[in-house]
mmCIF file of all heavy atoms, coordinates in Angstrom:
data_MODEL
# 
_entry.id   MODEL 
# 
loop_
_atom_site.group_PDB 
_atom_site.id 
_atom_site.type_symbol 
_atom_site.label_atom_id 
_atom_site.label_alt_id 
_atom_site.label_comp_id 
_atom_site.label_asym_id 
_atom_site.label_entity_id 
_atom_site.label_seq_id 
_atom_site.pdbx_PDB_ins_code 
_atom_site.Cartn_x 
_atom_site.Cartn_y 
_atom_site.Cartn_z 
_atom_site.occupancy 
_atom_site.B_iso_or_equiv 
_atom_site.pdbx_formal_charge 
_atom_site.auth_seq_id 
_atom_site.auth_comp_id 
_atom_site.auth_asym_id 
_atom_site.auth_atom_id 
_atom_site.pdbx_PDB_model_num 
ATOM 1   N N   . ALA A 1 1  ? 0.848   -1.248  0.044  1.00 0.00 ? 1  ALA A N   1 
ATOM 2   C CA  . ALA A 1 1  ? -0.026  0.007   -0.021 1.00 0.00 ? 1  ALA A CA  1 
ATOM 3   C C   . ALA A 1 1  ? 0.781   1.323   0.035  1.00 0.00 ? 1  ALA A C   1 
ATOM 4   O O   . ALA A 1 1  ? 0.608   2.203   -0.803 1.00 0.00 ? 1  ALA A O   1 
ATOM 5   C CB  . ALA A 1 1  ? -0.898  0.047   1.193  1.00 0.00 ? 1  ALA A CB  1 
ATOM 6   N N   . ALA A 1 2  ? 1.892   1.237   0.793  1.00 0.00 ? 2  ALA A N   1 
ATOM 7   C CA  . ALA A 1 2  ? 2.873   2.406   0.873  1.00 0.00 ? 2  ALA A CA  1 
ATOM 8   C C   . ALA A 1 2  ? 3.484   2.619   -0.530 1.00 0.00 ? 2  ALA A C   1 
ATOM 9   O O   . ALA A 1 2  ? 3.598   3.799   -0.980 1.00 0.00 ? 2  ALA A O   1 
ATOM 10  C CB  . ALA A 1 2  ? 3.859   2.241   1.945  1.00 0.00 ? 2  ALA A CB  1 
ATOM 11  N N   . HIS A 1 3  ? 3.949   1.560   -1.140 1.00 0.00 ? 3  HIS A N   1 
ATOM 12  C CA  . HIS A 1 3  ? 4.508   1.694   -2.460 1.00 0.00 ? 3  HIS A CA  1 
ATOM 13  C C   . HIS A 1 3  ? 3.549   2.113   -3.459 1.00 0.00 ? 3  HIS A C   1 
ATOM 14  O O   . HIS A 1 3  ? 3.973   2.799   -4.495 1.00 0.00 ? 3  HIS A O   1 
ATOM 15  C CB  . HIS A 1 3  ? 5.161   0.329   -2.940 1.00 0.00 ? 3  HIS A CB  1 
ATOM 16  C CG  . HIS A 1 3  ? 6.488   0.112   -2.334 1.00 0.00 ? 3  HIS A CG  1 
ATOM 17  N ND1 . HIS A 1 3  ? 7.571   0.031   -3.017 1.00 0.00 ? 3  HIS A ND1 1 
ATOM 18  C CD2 . HIS A 1 3  ? 6.908   -0.172  -1.086 1.00 0.00 ? 3  HIS A CD2 1 
ATOM 19  C CE1 . HIS A 1 3  ? 8.674   -0.183  -2.302 1.00 0.00 ? 3  HIS A CE1 1 
ATOM 20  N NE2 . HIS A 1 3  ? 8.266   -0.277  -1.071 1.00 0.00 ? 3  HIS A NE2 1 
ATOM 21  N N   . LEU A 1 4  ? 2.332   1.838   -3.372 1.00 0.00 ? 4  LEU A N   1 
ATOM 22  C CA  . LEU A 1 4  ? 1.282   2.247   -4.355 1.00 0.00 ? 4  LEU A CA  1 
ATOM 23  C C   . LEU A 1 4  ? 0.608   3.614   -3.914 1.00 0.00 ? 4  LEU A C   1 
ATOM 24  O O   . LEU A 1 4  ? -0.288  3.989   -4.610 1.00 0.00 ? 4  LEU A O   1 
ATOM 25  C CB  . LEU A 1 4  ? 0.288   1.257   -4.442 1.00 0.00 ? 4  LEU A CB  1 
ATOM 26  C CG  . LEU A 1 4  ? 0.803   -0.198  -4.986 1.00 0.00 ? 4  LEU A CG  1 
ATOM 27  C CD1 . LEU A 1 4  ? -0.393  -1.259  -5.039 1.00 0.00 ? 4  LEU A CD1 1 
ATOM 28  C CD2 . LEU A 1 4  ? 1.264   -0.021  -6.436 1.00 0.00 ? 4  LEU A CD2 1 
ATOM 29  N N   . THR A 1 5  ? 1.105   4.198   -2.900 1.00 0.00 ? 5  THR A N   1 
ATOM 30  C CA  . THR A 1 5  ? 0.427   5.370   -2.197 1.00 0.00 ? 5  THR A CA  1 
ATOM 31  C C   . THR A 1 5  ? -1.070  5.224   -2.107 1.00 0.00 ? 5  THR A C   1 
ATOM 32  O O   . THR A 1 5  ? -1.840  6.020   -2.473 1.00 0.00 ? 5  THR A O   1 
ATOM 33  C CB  . THR A 1 5  ? 0.822   6.646   -3.026 1.00 0.00 ? 5  THR A CB  1 
ATOM 34  O OG1 . THR A 1 5  ? 0.416   6.549   -4.301 1.00 0.00 ? 5  THR A OG1 1 
ATOM 35  C CG2 . THR A 1 5  ? 2.318   6.960   -2.950 1.00 0.00 ? 5  THR A CG2 1 
ATOM 36  N N   . LEU A 1 6  ? -1.428  4.106   -1.401 1.00 0.00 ? 6  LEU A N   1 
ATOM 37  C CA  . LEU A 1 6  ? -2.799  3.770   -1.236 1.00 0.00 ? 6  LEU A CA  1 
ATOM 38  C C   . LEU A 1 6  ? -2.978  3.382   0.346  1.00 0.00 ? 6  LEU A C   1 
ATOM 39  O O   . LEU A 1 6  ? -2.001  3.023   0.958  1.00 0.00 ? 6  LEU A O   1 
ATOM 40  C CB  . LEU A 1 6  ? -3.296  2.553   -2.000 1.00 0.00 ? 6  LEU A CB  1 
ATOM 41  C CG  . LEU A 1 6  ? -3.410  2.772   -3.516 1.00 0.00 ? 6  LEU A CG  1 
ATOM 42  C CD1 . LEU A 1 6  ? -3.567  1.377   -4.203 1.00 0.00 ? 6  LEU A CD1 1 
ATOM 43  C CD2 . LEU A 1 6  ? -4.636  3.572   -3.813 1.00 0.00 ? 6  LEU A CD2 1 
ATOM 44  N N   . PRO A 1 7  ? -4.121  3.471   0.790  1.00 0.00 ? 7  PRO A N   1 
ATOM 45  C CA  . PRO A 1 7  ? -4.405  3.077   2.185  1.00 0.00 ? 7  PRO A CA  1 
ATOM 46  C C   . PRO A 1 7  ? -4.316  1.549   2.312  1.00 0.00 ? 7  PRO A C   1 
ATOM 47  O O   . PRO A 1 7  ? -4.531  0.736   1.322  1.00 0.00 ? 7  PRO A O   1 
ATOM 48  C CB  . PRO A 1 7  ? -5.782  3.591   2.555  1.00 0.00 ? 7  PRO A CB  1 
ATOM 49  C CG  . PRO A 1 7  ? -6.358  3.959   1.339  1.00 0.00 ? 7  PRO A CG  1 
ATOM 50  C CD  . PRO A 1 7  ? -5.323  4.078   0.239  1.00 0.00 ? 7  PRO A CD  1 
ATOM 51  N N   . HIS A 1 8  ? -3.867  1.025   3.485  1.00 0.00 ? 8  HIS A N   1 
ATOM 52  C CA  . HIS A 1 8  ? -3.823  -0.355  3.773  1.00 0.00 ? 8  HIS A CA  1 
ATOM 53  C C   . HIS A 1 8  ? -5.062  -0.683  4.572  1.00 0.00 ? 8  HIS A C   1 
ATOM 54  O O   . HIS A 1 8  ? -5.338  0.124   5.644  1.00 0.00 ? 8  HIS A O   1 
ATOM 55  C CB  . HIS A 1 8  ? -2.567  -0.816  4.417  1.00 0.00 ? 8  HIS A CB  1 
ATOM 56  C CG  . HIS A 1 8  ? -2.606  -2.257  4.905  1.00 0.00 ? 8  HIS A CG  1 
ATOM 57  N ND1 . HIS A 1 8  ? -2.746  -2.608  6.213  1.00 0.00 ? 8  HIS A ND1 1 
ATOM 58  C CD2 . HIS A 1 8  ? -2.604  -3.373  4.207  1.00 0.00 ? 8  HIS A CD2 1 
ATOM 59  C CE1 . HIS A 1 8  ? -2.778  -3.855  6.317  1.00 0.00 ? 8  HIS A CE1 1 
ATOM 60  N NE2 . HIS A 1 8  ? -2.675  -4.453  5.116  1.00 0.00 ? 8  HIS A NE2 1 
ATOM 61  N N   . VAL A 1 9  ? -5.719  -1.746  4.328  1.00 0.00 ? 9  VAL A N   1 
ATOM 62  C CA  . VAL A 1 9  ? -6.897  -2.184  5.213  1.00 0.00 ? 9  VAL A CA  1 
ATOM 63  C C   . VAL A 1 9  ? -6.615  -3.553  5.659  1.00 0.00 ? 9  VAL A C   1 
ATOM 64  O O   . VAL A 1 9  ? -6.457  -4.441  4.803  1.00 0.00 ? 9  VAL A O   1 
ATOM 65  C CB  . VAL A 1 9  ? -8.170  -2.071  4.394  1.00 0.00 ? 9  VAL A CB  1 
ATOM 66  C CG1 . VAL A 1 9  ? -9.396  -2.548  5.251  1.00 0.00 ? 9  VAL A CG1 1 
ATOM 67  C CG2 . VAL A 1 9  ? -8.497  -0.662  3.948  1.00 0.00 ? 9  VAL A CG2 1 
ATOM 68  N N   . ASP A 1 10 ? -6.641  -3.773  7.003  1.00 0.00 ? 10 ASP A N   1 
ATOM 69  C CA  . ASP A 1 10 ? -6.517  -5.013  7.556  1.00 0.00 ? 10 ASP A CA  1 
ATOM 70  C C   . ASP A 1 10 ? -7.881  -5.467  7.988  1.00 0.00 ? 10 ASP A C   1 
ATOM 71  O O   . ASP A 1 10 ? -8.549  -4.859  8.873  1.00 0.00 ? 10 ASP A O   1 
ATOM 72  C CB  . ASP A 1 10 ? -5.567  -5.067  8.729  1.00 0.00 ? 10 ASP A CB  1 
ATOM 73  C CG  . ASP A 1 10 ? -5.341  -6.411  9.304  1.00 0.00 ? 10 ASP A CG  1 
ATOM 74  O OD1 . ASP A 1 10 ? -6.224  -6.900  10.034 1.00 0.00 ? 10 ASP A OD1 1 
ATOM 75  O OD2 . ASP A 1 10 ? -4.223  -6.936  9.177  1.00 0.00 ? 10 ASP A OD2 1 
ATOM 76  N N   . LEU A 1 11 ? -8.420  -6.598  7.461  1.00 0.00 ? 11 LEU A N   1 
ATOM 77  C CA  . LEU A 1 11 ? -9.787  -6.932  7.719  1.00 0.00 ? 11 LEU A CA  1 
ATOM 78  C C   . LEU A 1 11 ? -10.002 -7.262  9.193  1.00 0.00 ? 11 LEU A C   1 
ATOM 79  O O   . LEU A 1 11 ? -11.037 -6.847  9.712  1.00 0.00 ? 11 LEU A O   1 
ATOM 80  C CB  . LEU A 1 11 ? -10.087 -8.234  6.765  1.00 0.00 ? 11 LEU A CB  1 
ATOM 81  C CG  . LEU A 1 11 ? -11.541 -8.632  6.695  1.00 0.00 ? 11 LEU A CG  1 
ATOM 82  C CD1 . LEU A 1 11 ? -12.302 -7.485  5.954  1.00 0.00 ? 11 LEU A CD1 1 
ATOM 83  C CD2 . LEU A 1 11 ? -11.622 -9.843  5.870  1.00 0.00 ? 11 LEU A CD2 1 
ATOM 84  N N   . ASP A 1 12 ? -9.079  -7.998  9.829  1.00 0.00 ? 12 ASP A N   1 
ATOM 85  C CA  . ASP A 1 12 ? -9.255  -8.204  11.208 1.00 0.00 ? 12 ASP A CA  1 
ATOM 86  C C   . ASP A 1 12 ? -9.342  -6.919  12.057 1.00 0.00 ? 12 ASP A C   1 
ATOM 87  O O   . ASP A 1 12 ? -10.193 -6.837  12.951 1.00 0.00 ? 12 ASP A O   1 
ATOM 88  C CB  . ASP A 1 12 ? -8.148  -9.145  11.725 1.00 0.00 ? 12 ASP A CB  1 
ATOM 89  C CG  . ASP A 1 12 ? -8.286  -10.573 11.341 1.00 0.00 ? 12 ASP A CG  1 
ATOM 90  O OD1 . ASP A 1 12 ? -9.396  -10.944 10.844 1.00 0.00 ? 12 ASP A OD1 1 
ATOM 91  O OD2 . ASP A 1 12 ? -7.303  -11.313 11.529 1.00 0.00 ? 12 ASP A OD2 1 
ATOM 92  N N   . LYS A 1 13 ? -8.516  -5.958  11.728 1.00 0.00 ? 13 LYS A N   1 
ATOM 93  C CA  . LYS A 1 13 ? -8.483  -4.695  12.455 1.00 0.00 ? 13 LYS A CA  1 
ATOM 94  C C   . LYS A 1 13 ? -9.876  -3.982  12.208 1.00 0.00 ? 13 LYS A C   1 
ATOM 95  O O   . LYS A 1 13 ? -10.345 -3.361  13.084 1.00 0.00 ? 13 LYS A O   1 
ATOM 96  C CB  . LYS A 1 13 ? -7.318  -3.813  12.010 1.00 0.00 ? 13 LYS A CB  1 
ATOM 97  C CG  . LYS A 1 13 ? -6.018  -4.330  12.698 1.00 0.00 ? 13 LYS A CG  1 
ATOM 98  C CD  . LYS A 1 13 ? -4.870  -3.418  12.472 1.00 0.00 ? 13 LYS A CD  1 
ATOM 99  C CE  . LYS A 1 13 ? -3.735  -3.983  13.203 1.00 0.00 ? 13 LYS A CE  1 
ATOM 100 N NZ  . LYS A 1 13 ? -2.395  -3.671  12.655 1.00 0.00 ? 13 LYS A NZ  1 
ATOM 101 N N   . LYS A 1 14 ? -10.429 -4.062  11.064 1.00 0.00 ? 14 LYS A N   1 
ATOM 102 C CA  . LYS A 1 14 ? -11.682 -3.470  10.711 1.00 0.00 ? 14 LYS A CA  1 
ATOM 103 C C   . LYS A 1 14 ? -12.765 -4.127  11.637 1.00 0.00 ? 14 LYS A C   1 
ATOM 104 O O   . LYS A 1 14 ? -13.719 -3.492  12.153 1.00 0.00 ? 14 LYS A O   1 
ATOM 105 C CB  . LYS A 1 14 ? -12.042 -3.613  9.280  1.00 0.00 ? 14 LYS A CB  1 
ATOM 106 C CG  . LYS A 1 14 ? -11.333 -2.509  8.397  1.00 0.00 ? 14 LYS A CG  1 
ATOM 107 C CD  . LYS A 1 14 ? -11.867 -1.187  8.748  1.00 0.00 ? 14 LYS A CD  1 
ATOM 108 C CE  . LYS A 1 14 ? -11.120 -0.220  7.930  1.00 0.00 ? 14 LYS A CE  1 
ATOM 109 N NZ  . LYS A 1 14 ? -11.413 1.311   8.344  1.00 0.00 ? 14 LYS A NZ  1 
ATOM 110 N N   . ILE A 1 15 ? -12.659 -5.398  11.829 1.00 0.00 ? 15 ILE A N   1 
ATOM 111 C CA  . ILE A 1 15 ? -13.697 -6.148  12.690 1.00 0.00 ? 15 ILE A CA  1 
ATOM 112 C C   . ILE A 1 15 ? -13.514 -5.653  14.111 1.00 0.00 ? 15 ILE A C   1 
ATOM 113 O O   . ILE A 1 15 ? -14.570 -5.425  14.714 1.00 0.00 ? 15 ILE A O   1 
ATOM 114 C CB  . ILE A 1 15 ? -13.428 -7.728  12.578 1.00 0.00 ? 15 ILE A CB  1 
ATOM 115 C CG1 . ILE A 1 15 ? -13.779 -8.146  11.080 1.00 0.00 ? 15 ILE A CG1 1 
ATOM 116 C CG2 . ILE A 1 15 ? -14.252 -8.364  13.508 1.00 0.00 ? 15 ILE A CG2 1 
ATOM 117 C CD1 . ILE A 1 15 ? -13.333 -9.570  10.770 1.00 0.00 ? 15 ILE A CD1 1 
ATOM 118 N N   . VAL A 1 16 ? -12.243 -5.486  14.588 1.00 0.00 ? 16 VAL A N   1 
ATOM 119 C CA  . VAL A 1 16 ? -12.044 -5.029  15.917 1.00 0.00 ? 16 VAL A CA  1 
ATOM 120 C C   . VAL A 1 16 ? -12.651 -3.581  16.039 1.00 0.00 ? 16 VAL A C   1 
ATOM 121 O O   . VAL A 1 16 ? -13.295 -3.236  17.091 1.00 0.00 ? 16 VAL A O   1 
ATOM 122 C CB  . VAL A 1 16 ? -10.483 -5.048  16.280 1.00 0.00 ? 16 VAL A CB  1 
ATOM 123 C CG1 . VAL A 1 16 ? -10.265 -4.291  17.534 1.00 0.00 ? 16 VAL A CG1 1 
ATOM 124 C CG2 . VAL A 1 16 ? -10.061 -6.479  16.308 1.00 0.00 ? 16 VAL A CG2 1 
ATOM 125 N N   . GLU A 1 17 ? -12.483 -2.783  15.017 1.00 0.00 ? 17 GLU A N   1 
ATOM 126 C CA  . GLU A 1 17 ? -12.956 -1.399  15.064 1.00 0.00 ? 17 GLU A CA  1 
ATOM 127 C C   . GLU A 1 17 ? -14.526 -1.418  15.129 1.00 0.00 ? 17 GLU A C   1 
ATOM 128 O O   . GLU A 1 17 ? -15.111 -0.629  15.974 1.00 0.00 ? 17 GLU A O   1 
ATOM 129 C CB  . GLU A 1 17 ? -12.516 -0.589  13.823 1.00 0.00 ? 17 GLU A CB  1 
ATOM 130 C CG  . GLU A 1 17 ? -11.224 -0.079  13.753 1.00 0.00 ? 17 GLU A CG  1 
ATOM 131 C CD  . GLU A 1 17 ? -10.919 0.537   12.460 1.00 0.00 ? 17 GLU A CD  1 
ATOM 132 O OE1 . GLU A 1 17 ? -11.773 1.107   11.762 1.00 0.00 ? 17 GLU A OE1 1 
ATOM 133 O OE2 . GLU A 1 17 ? -9.656  0.675   12.085 1.00 0.00 ? 17 GLU A OE2 1 
ATOM 134 N N   . TYR A 1 18 ? -15.142 -2.257  14.382 1.00 0.00 ? 18 TYR A N   1 
ATOM 135 C CA  . TYR A 1 18 ? -16.600 -2.316  14.264 1.00 0.00 ? 18 TYR A CA  1 
ATOM 136 C C   . TYR A 1 18 ? -17.171 -2.903  15.604 1.00 0.00 ? 18 TYR A C   1 
ATOM 137 O O   . TYR A 1 18 ? -18.232 -2.362  16.098 1.00 0.00 ? 18 TYR A O   1 
ATOM 138 C CB  . TYR A 1 18 ? -17.117 -3.169  13.113 1.00 0.00 ? 18 TYR A CB  1 
ATOM 139 C CG  . TYR A 1 18 ? -16.867 -2.699  11.812 1.00 0.00 ? 18 TYR A CG  1 
ATOM 140 C CD1 . TYR A 1 18 ? -16.605 -3.423  10.727 1.00 0.00 ? 18 TYR A CD1 1 
ATOM 141 C CD2 . TYR A 1 18 ? -16.881 -1.247  11.511 1.00 0.00 ? 18 TYR A CD2 1 
ATOM 142 C CE1 . TYR A 1 18 ? -16.297 -2.906  9.415  1.00 0.00 ? 18 TYR A CE1 1 
ATOM 143 C CE2 . TYR A 1 18 ? -16.682 -0.706  10.231 1.00 0.00 ? 18 TYR A CE2 1 
ATOM 144 C CZ  . TYR A 1 18 ? -16.403 -1.558  9.291  1.00 0.00 ? 18 TYR A CZ  1 
ATOM 145 O OH  . TYR A 1 18 ? -16.212 -1.048  7.964  1.00 0.00 ? 18 TYR A OH  1 
ATOM 146 N N   . THR A 1 19 ? -16.578 -3.806  16.178 1.00 0.00 ? 19 THR A N   1 
ATOM 147 C CA  . THR A 1 19 ? -17.115 -4.524  17.353 1.00 0.00 ? 19 THR A CA  1 
ATOM 148 C C   . THR A 1 19 ? -16.623 -3.930  18.668 1.00 0.00 ? 19 THR A C   1 
ATOM 149 O O   . THR A 1 19 ? -17.244 -4.157  19.795 1.00 0.00 ? 19 THR A O   1 
ATOM 150 C CB  . THR A 1 19 ? -16.789 -6.014  17.305 1.00 0.00 ? 19 THR A CB  1 
ATOM 151 O OG1 . THR A 1 19 ? -15.382 -6.179  17.400 1.00 0.00 ? 19 THR A OG1 1 
ATOM 152 C CG2 . THR A 1 19 ? -17.340 -6.689  16.149 1.00 0.00 ? 19 THR A CG2 1 
ATOM 153 N N   . GLY A 1 20 ? -15.479 -3.357  18.691 1.00 0.00 ? 20 GLY A N   1 
ATOM 154 C CA  . GLY A 1 20 ? -14.858 -2.936  19.866 1.00 0.00 ? 20 GLY A CA  1 
ATOM 155 C C   . GLY A 1 20 ? -14.208 -4.030  20.735 1.00 0.00 ? 20 GLY A C   1 
ATOM 156 O O   . GLY A 1 20 ? -13.953 -3.904  21.900 1.00 0.00 ? 20 GLY A O   1 
ATOM 157 N N   . LYS A 1 21 ? -14.110 -5.200  20.100 1.00 0.00 ? 21 LYS A N   1 
ATOM 158 C CA  . LYS A 1 21 ? -13.611 -6.387  20.767 1.00 0.00 ? 21 LYS A CA  1 
ATOM 159 C C   . LYS A 1 21 ? -12.414 -6.928  19.988 1.00 0.00 ? 21 LYS A C   1 
ATOM 160 O O   . LYS A 1 21 ? -12.438 -6.807  18.746 1.00 0.00 ? 21 LYS A O   1 
ATOM 161 C CB  . LYS A 1 21 ? -14.640 -7.436  20.898 1.00 0.00 ? 21 LYS A CB  1 
ATOM 162 C CG  . LYS A 1 21 ? -15.846 -7.025  21.724 1.00 0.00 ? 21 LYS A CG  1 
ATOM 163 C CD  . LYS A 1 21 ? -16.788 -8.201  21.918 1.00 0.00 ? 21 LYS A CD  1 
ATOM 164 C CE  . LYS A 1 21 ? -18.024 -7.936  22.729 1.00 0.00 ? 21 LYS A CE  1 
ATOM 165 N NZ  . LYS A 1 21 ? -17.831 -7.573  24.039 1.00 0.00 ? 21 LYS A NZ  1 
ATOM 166 N N   . GLU A 1 22 ? -11.427 -7.445  20.634 1.00 0.00 ? 22 GLU A N   1 
ATOM 167 C CA  . GLU A 1 22 ? -10.315 -8.110  19.947 1.00 0.00 ? 22 GLU A CA  1 
ATOM 168 C C   . GLU A 1 22 ? -10.815 -9.415  19.336 1.00 0.00 ? 22 GLU A C   1 
ATOM 169 O O   . GLU A 1 22 ? -11.831 -9.963  19.846 1.00 0.00 ? 22 GLU A O   1 
ATOM 170 C CB  . GLU A 1 22 ? -9.169  -8.374  20.983 1.00 0.00 ? 22 GLU A CB  1 
ATOM 171 C CG  . GLU A 1 22 ? -8.526  -7.159  21.589 1.00 0.00 ? 22 GLU A CG  1 
ATOM 172 C CD  . GLU A 1 22 ? -7.782  -6.300  20.505 1.00 0.00 ? 22 GLU A CD  1 
ATOM 173 O OE1 . GLU A 1 22 ? -7.150  -6.905  19.621 1.00 0.00 ? 22 GLU A OE1 1 
ATOM 174 O OE2 . GLU A 1 22 ? -7.868  -5.122  20.631 1.00 0.00 ? 22 GLU A OE2 1 
ATOM 175 N N   . ILE A 1 23 ? -10.091 -9.876  18.318 1.00 0.00 ? 23 ILE A N   1 
ATOM 176 C CA  . ILE A 1 23 ? -10.427 -11.172 17.673 1.00 0.00 ? 23 ILE A CA  1 
ATOM 177 C C   . ILE A 1 23 ? -10.591 -12.252 18.633 1.00 0.00 ? 23 ILE A C   1 
ATOM 178 O O   . ILE A 1 23 ? -11.584 -13.022 18.637 1.00 0.00 ? 23 ILE A O   1 
ATOM 179 C CB  . ILE A 1 23 ? -9.492  -11.460 16.516 1.00 0.00 ? 23 ILE A CB  1 
ATOM 180 C CG1 . ILE A 1 23 ? -9.366  -10.313 15.481 1.00 0.00 ? 23 ILE A CG1 1 
ATOM 181 C CG2 . ILE A 1 23 ? -9.825  -12.773 15.876 1.00 0.00 ? 23 ILE A CG2 1 
ATOM 182 C CD1 . ILE A 1 23 ? -10.678 -10.013 14.820 1.00 0.00 ? 23 ILE A CD1 1 
ATOM 183 N N   . LYS A 1 24 ? -9.615  -12.434 19.571 1.00 0.00 ? 24 LYS A N   1 
ATOM 184 C CA  . LYS A 1 24 ? -9.672  -13.517 20.473 1.00 0.00 ? 24 LYS A CA  1 
ATOM 185 C C   . LYS A 1 24 ? -10.828 -13.472 21.424 1.00 0.00 ? 24 LYS A C   1 
ATOM 186 O O   . LYS A 1 24 ? -11.376 -14.489 21.839 1.00 0.00 ? 24 LYS A O   1 
ATOM 187 C CB  . LYS A 1 24 ? -8.307  -13.725 21.244 1.00 0.00 ? 24 LYS A CB  1 
ATOM 188 C CG  . LYS A 1 24 ? -7.927  -12.473 22.081 1.00 0.00 ? 24 LYS A CG  1 
ATOM 189 C CD  . LYS A 1 24 ? -6.585  -12.748 22.699 1.00 0.00 ? 24 LYS A CD  1 
ATOM 190 C CE  . LYS A 1 24 ? -6.066  -11.456 23.458 1.00 0.00 ? 24 LYS A CE  1 
ATOM 191 N NZ  . LYS A 1 24 ? -4.776  -11.592 24.021 1.00 0.00 ? 24 LYS A NZ  1 
ATOM 192 N N   . GLU A 1 25 ? -11.315 -12.193 21.738 1.00 0.00 ? 25 GLU A N   1 
ATOM 193 C CA  . GLU A 1 25 ? -12.546 -12.023 22.556 1.00 0.00 ? 25 GLU A CA  1 
ATOM 194 C C   . GLU A 1 25 ? -13.760 -12.511 21.755 1.00 0.00 ? 25 GLU A C   1 
ATOM 195 O O   . GLU A 1 25 ? -14.647 -13.138 22.317 1.00 0.00 ? 25 GLU A O   1 
ATOM 196 C CB  . GLU A 1 25 ? -12.666 -10.549 22.911 1.00 0.00 ? 25 GLU A CB  1 
ATOM 197 C CG  . GLU A 1 25 ? -11.733 -10.027 23.970 1.00 0.00 ? 25 GLU A CG  1 
ATOM 198 C CD  . GLU A 1 25 ? -11.967 -8.604  24.233 1.00 0.00 ? 25 GLU A CD  1 
ATOM 199 O OE1 . GLU A 1 25 ? -12.810 -8.304  25.076 1.00 0.00 ? 25 GLU A OE1 1 
ATOM 200 O OE2 . GLU A 1 25 ? -11.331 -7.800  23.543 1.00 0.00 ? 25 GLU A OE2 1 
# 
């Protein structure tokens, strides 16, 4: 993403953002 000057999206991190819970939780 940095090389392409684009944002990087991590699917697991998005899930954490949406739920407010860590994946293991």
